[in-house]
């Protein structure tokens, strides 16, 4: 089962979300609107992101939805 780690630092208003282990070789790219994407420096695979100036209820998460289910139930749409 995949694990997502979420870290919130209220003093610095920084929200970090990683779905893979951070790496020494990771590369950060600012996507705009205070969103930073972290990728593996070797494969280029996305491993996490940070939201700068984050506060609970931030509108930048309005478009994010979370679905919880079993892997077998995740079939491509036909």
PDB file of N, CA and C in Angstrom:
ATOM      1  N   UNK A   1       0.841  -1.173   0.000  1.00  0.00           N
ATOM      2  CA  UNK A   1       0.000   0.000   0.000  1.00  0.00           C
ATOM      3  C   UNK A   1       0.892   1.244   0.000  1.00  0.00           C
ATOM      4  N   UNK A   2       0.551   2.200  -0.825  1.00  0.00           N
ATOM      5  CA  UNK A   2       1.302   3.441  -0.908  1.00  0.00           C
ATOM      6  C   UNK A   2       1.043   4.285   0.326  1.00  0.00           C
ATOM      7  N   UNK A   3       2.058   5.027   0.713  1.00  0.00           N
ATOM      8  CA  UNK A   3       1.926   5.936   1.836  1.00  0.00           C
ATOM      9  C   UNK A   3       2.153   7.355   1.351  1.00  0.00           C
ATOM     10  N   UNK A   4       1.348   8.248   1.836  1.00  0.00           N
ATOM     11  CA  UNK A   4       1.531   9.661   1.559  1.00  0.00           C
ATOM     12  C   UNK A   4       1.875  10.321   2.877  1.00  0.00           C
ATOM     13  N   UNK A   5       2.949  11.098   2.872  1.00  0.00           N
ATOM     14  CA  UNK A   5       3.357  11.798   4.083  1.00  0.00           C
ATOM     15  C   UNK A   5       3.106  13.280   3.876  1.00  0.00           C
ATOM     16  N   UNK A   6       2.398  13.865   4.834  1.00  0.00           N
ATOM     17  CA  UNK A   6       2.052  15.276   4.773  1.00  0.00           C
ATOM     18  C   UNK A   6       2.641  15.960   5.999  1.00  0.00           C
ATOM     19  N   UNK A   7       3.373  17.036   5.761  1.00  0.00           N
ATOM     20  CA  UNK A   7       3.997  17.802   6.835  1.00  0.00           C
ATOM     21  C   UNK A   7       3.524  19.250   6.729  1.00  0.00           C
ATOM     22  N   UNK A   8       3.077  19.807   7.850  1.00  0.00           N
ATOM     23  CA  UNK A   8       2.643  21.196   7.869  1.00  0.00           C
ATOM     24  C   UNK A   8       3.420  21.928   8.941  1.00  0.00           C
ATOM     25  N   UNK A   9       4.037  23.035   8.562  1.00  0.00           N
ATOM     26  CA  UNK A   9       4.795  23.870   9.479  1.00  0.00           C
ATOM     27  C   UNK A   9       4.090  25.222   9.573  1.00  0.00           C
ATOM     28  N   UNK A  10       3.221  25.403  10.590  1.00  0.00           N
ATOM     29  CA  UNK A  10       2.433  26.635  10.662  1.00  0.00           C
ATOM     30  C   UNK A  10       3.281  27.898  10.811  1.00  0.00           C
ATOM     31  N   UNK A  11       4.437  27.795  11.462  1.00  0.00           N
ATOM     32  CA  UNK A  11       5.278  28.976  11.650  1.00  0.00           C
ATOM     33  C   UNK A  11       5.783  29.535  10.323  1.00  0.00           C
ATOM     34  N   UNK A  12       6.084  28.648   9.374  1.00  0.00           N
ATOM     35  CA  UNK A  12       6.591  29.072   8.064  1.00  0.00           C
ATOM     36  C   UNK A  12       5.533  28.977   6.972  1.00  0.00           C
ATOM     37  N   UNK A  13       4.327  28.535   7.344  1.00  0.00           N
ATOM     38  CA  UNK A  13       3.217  28.351   6.403  1.00  0.00           C
ATOM     39  C   UNK A  13       3.645  27.501   5.210  1.00  0.00           C
ATOM     40  N   UNK A  14       4.243  26.357   5.511  1.00  0.00           N
ATOM     41  CA  UNK A  14       4.748  25.450   4.487  1.00  0.00           C
ATOM     42  C   UNK A  14       4.065  24.096   4.624  1.00  0.00           C
ATOM     43  N   UNK A  15       3.449  23.637   3.538  1.00  0.00           N
ATOM     44  CA  UNK A  15       2.815  22.322   3.497  1.00  0.00           C
ATOM     45  C   UNK A  15       3.588  21.467   2.501  1.00  0.00           C
ATOM     46  N   UNK A  16       4.092  20.325   2.958  1.00  0.00           N
ATOM     47  CA  UNK A  16       4.845  19.405   2.105  1.00  0.00           C
ATOM     48  C   UNK A  16       4.087  18.088   2.015  1.00  0.00           C
ATOM     49  N   UNK A  17       3.981  17.554   0.796  1.00  0.00           N
ATOM     50  CA  UNK A  17       3.301  16.288   0.556  1.00  0.00           C
ATOM     51  C   UNK A  17       4.236  15.413  -0.272  1.00  0.00           C
ATOM     52  N   UNK A  18       4.592  14.249   0.264  1.00  0.00           N
ATOM     53  CA  UNK A  18       5.460  13.324  -0.460  1.00  0.00           C
ATOM     54  C   UNK A  18       4.767  11.980  -0.592  1.00  0.00           C
ATOM     55  N   UNK A  19       4.746  11.436  -1.805  1.00  0.00           N
ATOM     56  CA  UNK A  19       4.197  10.104  -2.037  1.00  0.00           C
ATOM     57  C   UNK A  19       5.311   9.106  -2.302  1.00  0.00           C
ATOM     58  N   UNK A  20       6.545   9.596  -2.307  1.00  0.00           N
ATOM     59  CA  UNK A  20       7.732   8.745  -2.329  1.00  0.00           C
ATOM     60  C   UNK A  20       8.743   9.352  -1.372  1.00  0.00           C
ATOM     61  N   UNK A  21       9.746   8.585  -1.005  1.00  0.00           N
ATOM     62  CA  UNK A  21      10.767   9.056  -0.077  1.00  0.00           C
ATOM     63  C   UNK A  21      11.581  10.173  -0.731  1.00  0.00           C
ATOM     64  N   UNK A  22      11.776  11.300  -0.023  1.00  0.00           N
ATOM     65  CA  UNK A  22      12.626  12.360  -0.578  1.00  0.00           C
ATOM     66  C   UNK A  22      14.022  11.821  -0.878  1.00  0.00           C
ATOM     67  N   UNK A  23      14.675  12.395  -1.875  1.00  0.00           N
ATOM     68  CA  UNK A  23      15.991  11.915  -2.308  1.00  0.00           C
ATOM     69  C   UNK A  23      17.012  13.043  -2.256  1.00  0.00           C
ATOM     70  N   UNK A  24      18.267  12.653  -2.108  1.00  0.00           N
ATOM     71  CA  UNK A  24      19.346  13.651  -2.151  1.00  0.00           C
ATOM     72  C   UNK A  24      19.430  14.277  -3.536  1.00  0.00           C
ATOM     73  N   UNK A  25      19.073  13.520  -4.551  1.00  0.00           N
ATOM     74  CA  UNK A  25      19.193  13.996  -5.935  1.00  0.00           C
ATOM     75  C   UNK A  25      17.913  14.643  -6.449  1.00  0.00           C
ATOM     76  N   UNK A  26      16.974  14.967  -5.556  1.00  0.00           N
ATOM     77  CA  UNK A  26      15.709  15.523  -6.033  1.00  0.00           C
ATOM     78  C   UNK A  26      15.913  16.931  -6.595  1.00  0.00           C
ATOM     79  N   UNK A  27      15.027  17.278  -7.522  1.00  0.00           N
ATOM     80  CA  UNK A  27      15.062  18.573  -8.195  1.00  0.00           C
ATOM     81  C   UNK A  27      13.723  19.262  -7.938  1.00  0.00           C
ATOM     82  N   UNK A  28      13.782  20.540  -7.588  1.00  0.00           N
ATOM     83  CA  UNK A  28      12.560  21.306  -7.321  1.00  0.00           C
ATOM     84  C   UNK A  28      12.271  22.229  -8.492  1.00  0.00           C
ATOM     85  N   UNK A  29      10.994  22.286  -8.882  1.00  0.00           N
ATOM     86  CA  UNK A  29      10.560  23.167  -9.969  1.00  0.00           C
ATOM     87  C   UNK A  29       9.332  23.938  -9.496  1.00  0.00           C
ATOM     88  N   UNK A  30       9.403  25.273  -9.548  1.00  0.00           N
ATOM     89  CA  UNK A  30       8.241  26.097  -9.172  1.00  0.00           C
ATOM     90  C   UNK A  30       7.238  26.041 -10.307  1.00  0.00           C
ATOM     91  N   UNK A  31       6.008  25.632  -9.984  1.00  0.00           N
ATOM     92  CA  UNK A  31       4.958  25.513 -10.986  1.00  0.00           C
ATOM     93  C   UNK A  31       4.121  26.781 -11.098  1.00  0.00           C
ATOM     94  N   UNK A  32       4.277  27.670 -10.157  1.00  0.00           N
ATOM     95  CA  UNK A  32       3.485  28.893 -10.125  1.00  0.00           C
ATOM     96  C   UNK A  32       2.517  28.863  -8.960  1.00  0.00           C
ATOM     97  N   UNK A  33       2.043  30.029  -8.553  1.00  0.00           N
ATOM     98  CA  UNK A  33       1.093  30.186  -7.460  1.00  0.00           C
ATOM     99  C   UNK A  33       1.594  29.553  -6.168  1.00  0.00           C
ATOM    100  N   UNK A  34       2.916  29.557  -5.949  1.00  0.00           N
ATOM    101  CA  UNK A  34       3.476  29.036  -4.715  1.00  0.00           C
ATOM    102  C   UNK A  34       3.485  27.534  -4.601  1.00  0.00           C
ATOM    103  N   UNK A  35       3.403  26.821  -5.724  1.00  0.00           N
ATOM    104  CA  UNK A  35       3.436  25.361  -5.722  1.00  0.00           C
ATOM    105  C   UNK A  35       4.771  24.908  -6.299  1.00  0.00           C
ATOM    106  N   UNK A  36       5.478  24.058  -5.535  1.00  0.00           N
ATOM    107  CA  UNK A  36       6.780  23.540  -5.949  1.00  0.00           C
ATOM    108  C   UNK A  36       6.676  22.029  -6.122  1.00  0.00           C
ATOM    109  N   UNK A  37       7.084  21.531  -7.269  1.00  0.00           N
ATOM    110  CA  UNK A  37       7.067  20.096  -7.562  1.00  0.00           C
ATOM    111  C   UNK A  37       8.459  19.525  -7.360  1.00  0.00           C
ATOM    112  N   UNK A  38       8.551  18.398  -6.662  1.00  0.00           N
ATOM    113  CA  UNK A  38       9.822  17.704  -6.473  1.00  0.00           C
ATOM    114  C   UNK A  38       9.855  16.472  -7.360  1.00  0.00           C
ATOM    115  N   UNK A  39      10.959  16.311  -8.087  1.00  0.00           N
ATOM    116  CA  UNK A  39      11.145  15.143  -8.953  1.00  0.00           C
ATOM    117  C   UNK A  39      12.446  14.453  -8.593  1.00  0.00           C
ATOM    118  N   UNK A  40      12.509  13.154  -8.885  1.00  0.00           N
ATOM    119  CA  UNK A  40      13.746  12.406  -8.761  1.00  0.00           C
ATOM    120  C   UNK A  40      14.730  12.993  -9.772  1.00  0.00           C
ATOM    121  N   UNK A  41      15.936  13.342  -9.326  1.00  0.00           N
ATOM    122  CA  UNK A  41      16.918  13.961 -10.198  1.00  0.00           C
ATOM    123  C   UNK A  41      17.426  13.057 -11.300  1.00  0.00           C
ATOM    124  N   UNK A  42      17.289  11.750 -11.147  1.00  0.00           N
ATOM    125  CA  UNK A  42      17.771  10.801 -12.149  1.00  0.00           C
ATOM    126  C   UNK A  42      16.665  10.421 -13.131  1.00  0.00           C
ATOM    127  N   UNK A  43      15.518   9.980 -12.602  1.00  0.00           N
ATOM    128  CA  UNK A  43      14.440   9.491 -13.473  1.00  0.00           C
ATOM    129  C   UNK A  43      13.464  10.584 -13.905  1.00  0.00           C
ATOM    130  N   UNK A  44      13.425  11.696 -13.173  1.00  0.00           N
ATOM    131  CA  UNK A  44      12.474  12.752 -13.482  1.00  0.00           C
ATOM    132  C   UNK A  44      11.068  12.468 -12.966  1.00  0.00           C
ATOM    133  N   UNK A  45      10.904  11.367 -12.243  1.00  0.00           N
ATOM    134  CA  UNK A  45       9.598  10.975 -11.717  1.00  0.00           C
ATOM    135  C   UNK A  45       9.185  11.903 -10.568  1.00  0.00           C
ATOM    136  N   UNK A  46       7.958  12.438 -10.578  1.00  0.00           N
ATOM    137  CA  UNK A  46       7.484  13.274  -9.473  1.00  0.00           C
ATOM    138  C   UNK A  46       7.416  12.476  -8.174  1.00  0.00           C
ATOM    139  N   UNK A  47       7.889  13.075  -7.076  1.00  0.00           N
ATOM    140  CA  UNK A  47       7.890  12.386  -5.787  1.00  0.00           C
ATOM    141  C   UNK A  47       7.182  13.171  -4.689  1.00  0.00           C
ATOM    142  N   UNK A  48       6.895  14.444  -4.934  1.00  0.00           N
ATOM    143  CA  UNK A  48       6.230  15.234  -3.909  1.00  0.00           C
ATOM    144  C   UNK A  48       6.033  16.666  -4.348  1.00  0.00           C
ATOM    145  N   UNK A  49       5.412  17.445  -3.461  1.00  0.00           N
ATOM    146  CA  UNK A  49       5.215  18.861  -3.753  1.00  0.00           C
ATOM    147  C   UNK A  49       5.151  19.648  -2.467  1.00  0.00           C
ATOM    148  N   UNK A  50       5.352  20.954  -2.584  1.00  0.00           N
ATOM    149  CA  UNK A  50       5.216  21.856  -1.461  1.00  0.00           C
ATOM    150  C   UNK A  50       4.309  23.006  -1.856  1.00  0.00           C
ATOM    151  N   UNK A  51       3.545  23.470  -0.889  1.00  0.00           N
ATOM    152  CA  UNK A  51       2.676  24.626  -1.068  1.00  0.00           C
ATOM    153  C   UNK A  51       3.221  25.716  -0.160  1.00  0.00           C
ATOM    154  N   UNK A  52       3.676  26.813  -0.751  1.00  0.00           N
ATOM    155  CA  UNK A  52       4.214  27.928   0.016  1.00  0.00           C
ATOM    156  C   UNK A  52       3.078  28.831   0.482  1.00  0.00           C
ATOM    157  N   UNK A  53       3.266  29.481   1.615  1.00  0.00           N
ATOM    158  CA  UNK A  53       2.264  30.389   2.196  1.00  0.00           C
ATOM    159  C   UNK A  53       0.915  29.688   2.376  1.00  0.00           C
ATOM    160  N   UNK A  54       0.955  28.434   2.834  1.00  0.00           N
ATOM    161  CA  UNK A  54      -0.259  27.638   3.021  1.00  0.00           C
ATOM    162  C   UNK A  54      -0.898  27.939   4.373  1.00  0.00           C
ATOM    163  N   UNK A  55      -2.199  28.018   4.373  1.00  0.00           N
ATOM    164  CA  UNK A  55      -2.992  28.098   5.599  1.00  0.00           C
ATOM    165  C   UNK A  55      -4.162  27.134   5.448  1.00  0.00           C
ATOM    166  N   UNK A  56      -4.614  26.511   6.543  1.00  0.00           N
ATOM    167  CA  UNK A  56      -5.767  25.613   6.436  1.00  0.00           C
ATOM    168  C   UNK A  56      -6.936  26.294   5.726  1.00  0.00           C
ATOM    169  N   UNK A  57      -7.576  25.564   4.814  1.00  0.00           N
ATOM    170  CA  UNK A  57      -8.676  26.101   4.016  1.00  0.00           C
ATOM    171  C   UNK A  57      -8.202  26.791   2.753  1.00  0.00           C
ATOM    172  N   UNK A  58      -6.918  26.657   2.430  1.00  0.00           N
ATOM    173  CA  UNK A  58      -6.322  27.287   1.250  1.00  0.00           C
ATOM    174  C   UNK A  58      -7.106  26.906  -0.009  1.00  0.00           C
ATOM    175  N   UNK A  59      -7.461  27.888  -0.820  1.00  0.00           N
ATOM    176  CA  UNK A  59      -8.258  27.660  -2.034  1.00  0.00           C
ATOM    177  C   UNK A  59      -7.508  26.859  -3.090  1.00  0.00           C
ATOM    178  N   UNK A  60      -6.187  26.761  -2.988  1.00  0.00           N
ATOM    179  CA  UNK A  60      -5.428  25.989  -3.981  1.00  0.00           C
ATOM    180  C   UNK A  60      -5.741  24.506  -3.902  1.00  0.00           C
ATOM    181  N   UNK A  61      -6.403  24.064  -2.848  1.00  0.00           N
ATOM    182  CA  UNK A  61      -6.787  22.664  -2.719  1.00  0.00           C
ATOM    183  C   UNK A  61      -8.236  22.418  -3.122  1.00  0.00           C
ATOM    184  N   UNK A  62      -8.929  23.415  -3.612  1.00  0.00           N
ATOM    185  CA  UNK A  62     -10.320  23.234  -4.032  1.00  0.00           C
ATOM    186  C   UNK A  62     -10.475  22.168  -5.106  1.00  0.00           C
ATOM    187  N   UNK A  63      -9.479  22.019  -5.965  1.00  0.00           N
ATOM    188  CA  UNK A  63      -9.570  21.089  -7.092  1.00  0.00           C
ATOM    189  C   UNK A  63      -8.998  19.710  -6.756  1.00  0.00           C
ATOM    190  N   UNK A  64      -8.539  19.493  -5.527  1.00  0.00           N
ATOM    191  CA  UNK A  64      -7.945  18.209  -5.152  1.00  0.00           C
ATOM    192  C   UNK A  64      -9.006  17.338  -4.516  1.00  0.00           C
ATOM    193  N   UNK A  65      -9.121  16.107  -4.995  1.00  0.00           N
ATOM    194  CA  UNK A  65     -10.035  15.159  -4.368  1.00  0.00           C
ATOM    195  C   UNK A  65      -9.252  13.901  -4.010  1.00  0.00           C
ATOM    196  N   UNK A  66      -9.673  13.265  -2.948  1.00  0.00           N
ATOM    197  CA  UNK A  66      -9.008  12.047  -2.487  1.00  0.00           C
ATOM    198  C   UNK A  66     -10.030  10.928  -2.522  1.00  0.00           C
ATOM    199  N   UNK A  67      -9.651   9.833  -3.159  1.00  0.00           N
ATOM    200  CA  UNK A  67     -10.508   8.660  -3.194  1.00  0.00           C
ATOM    201  C   UNK A  67      -9.772   7.513  -2.531  1.00  0.00           C
ATOM    202  N   UNK A  68     -10.455   6.815  -1.663  1.00  0.00           N
ATOM    203  CA  UNK A  68      -9.853   5.687  -0.970  1.00  0.00           C
ATOM    204  C   UNK A  68     -10.554   4.425  -1.451  1.00  0.00           C
ATOM    205  N   UNK A  69      -9.774   3.480  -1.903  1.00  0.00           N
ATOM    206  CA  UNK A  69     -10.341   2.233  -2.401  1.00  0.00           C
ATOM    207  C   UNK A  69      -9.250   1.193  -2.553  1.00  0.00           C
ATOM    208  N   UNK A  70      -9.641   0.037  -2.991  1.00  0.00           N
ATOM    209  CA  UNK A  70      -8.689  -1.040  -3.201  1.00  0.00           C
ATOM    210  C   UNK A  70      -8.115  -0.955  -4.603  1.00  0.00           C
ATOM    211  N   UNK A  71      -6.900  -1.443  -4.761  1.00  0.00           N
ATOM    212  CA  UNK A  71      -6.218  -1.394  -6.046  1.00  0.00           C
ATOM    213  C   UNK A  71      -7.040  -2.088  -7.119  1.00  0.00           C
ATOM    214  N   UNK A  72      -7.664  -3.196  -6.810  1.00  0.00           N
ATOM    215  CA  UNK A  72      -8.457  -3.934  -7.764  1.00  0.00           C
ATOM    216  C   UNK A  72      -9.652  -3.153  -8.291  1.00  0.00           C
ATOM    217  N   UNK A  73     -10.110  -2.169  -7.509  1.00  0.00           N
ATOM    218  CA  UNK A  73     -11.275  -1.392  -7.938  1.00  0.00           C
ATOM    219  C   UNK A  73     -10.876  -0.211  -8.813  1.00  0.00           C
ATOM    220  N   UNK A  74      -9.597   0.020  -8.993  1.00  0.00           N
ATOM    221  CA  UNK A  74      -9.125   1.142  -9.795  1.00  0.00           C
ATOM    222  C   UNK A  74      -8.870   0.676 -11.230  1.00  0.00           C
ATOM    223  N   UNK A  75      -9.903   0.695 -12.012  1.00  0.00           N
ATOM    224  CA  UNK A  75      -9.812   0.273 -13.411  1.00  0.00           C
ATOM    225  C   UNK A  75      -9.909   1.491 -14.303  1.00  0.00           C
ATOM    226  N   UNK A  76      -9.221   1.495 -15.436  1.00  0.00           N
ATOM    227  CA  UNK A  76      -9.334   2.616 -16.366  1.00  0.00           C
ATOM    228  C   UNK A  76     -10.769   2.787 -16.859  1.00  0.00           C
ATOM    229  N   UNK A  77     -11.158   4.028 -17.071  1.00  0.00           N
ATOM    230  CA  UNK A  77     -12.500   4.303 -17.581  1.00  0.00           C
ATOM    231  C   UNK A  77     -12.596   3.856 -19.023  1.00  0.00           C
ATOM    232  N   UNK A  78     -13.751   3.289 -19.409  1.00  0.00           N
ATOM    233  CA  UNK A  78     -13.905   2.869 -20.796  1.00  0.00           C
ATOM    234  C   UNK A  78     -14.735   3.833 -21.572  1.00  0.00           C
TER     235      UNK A  78
END
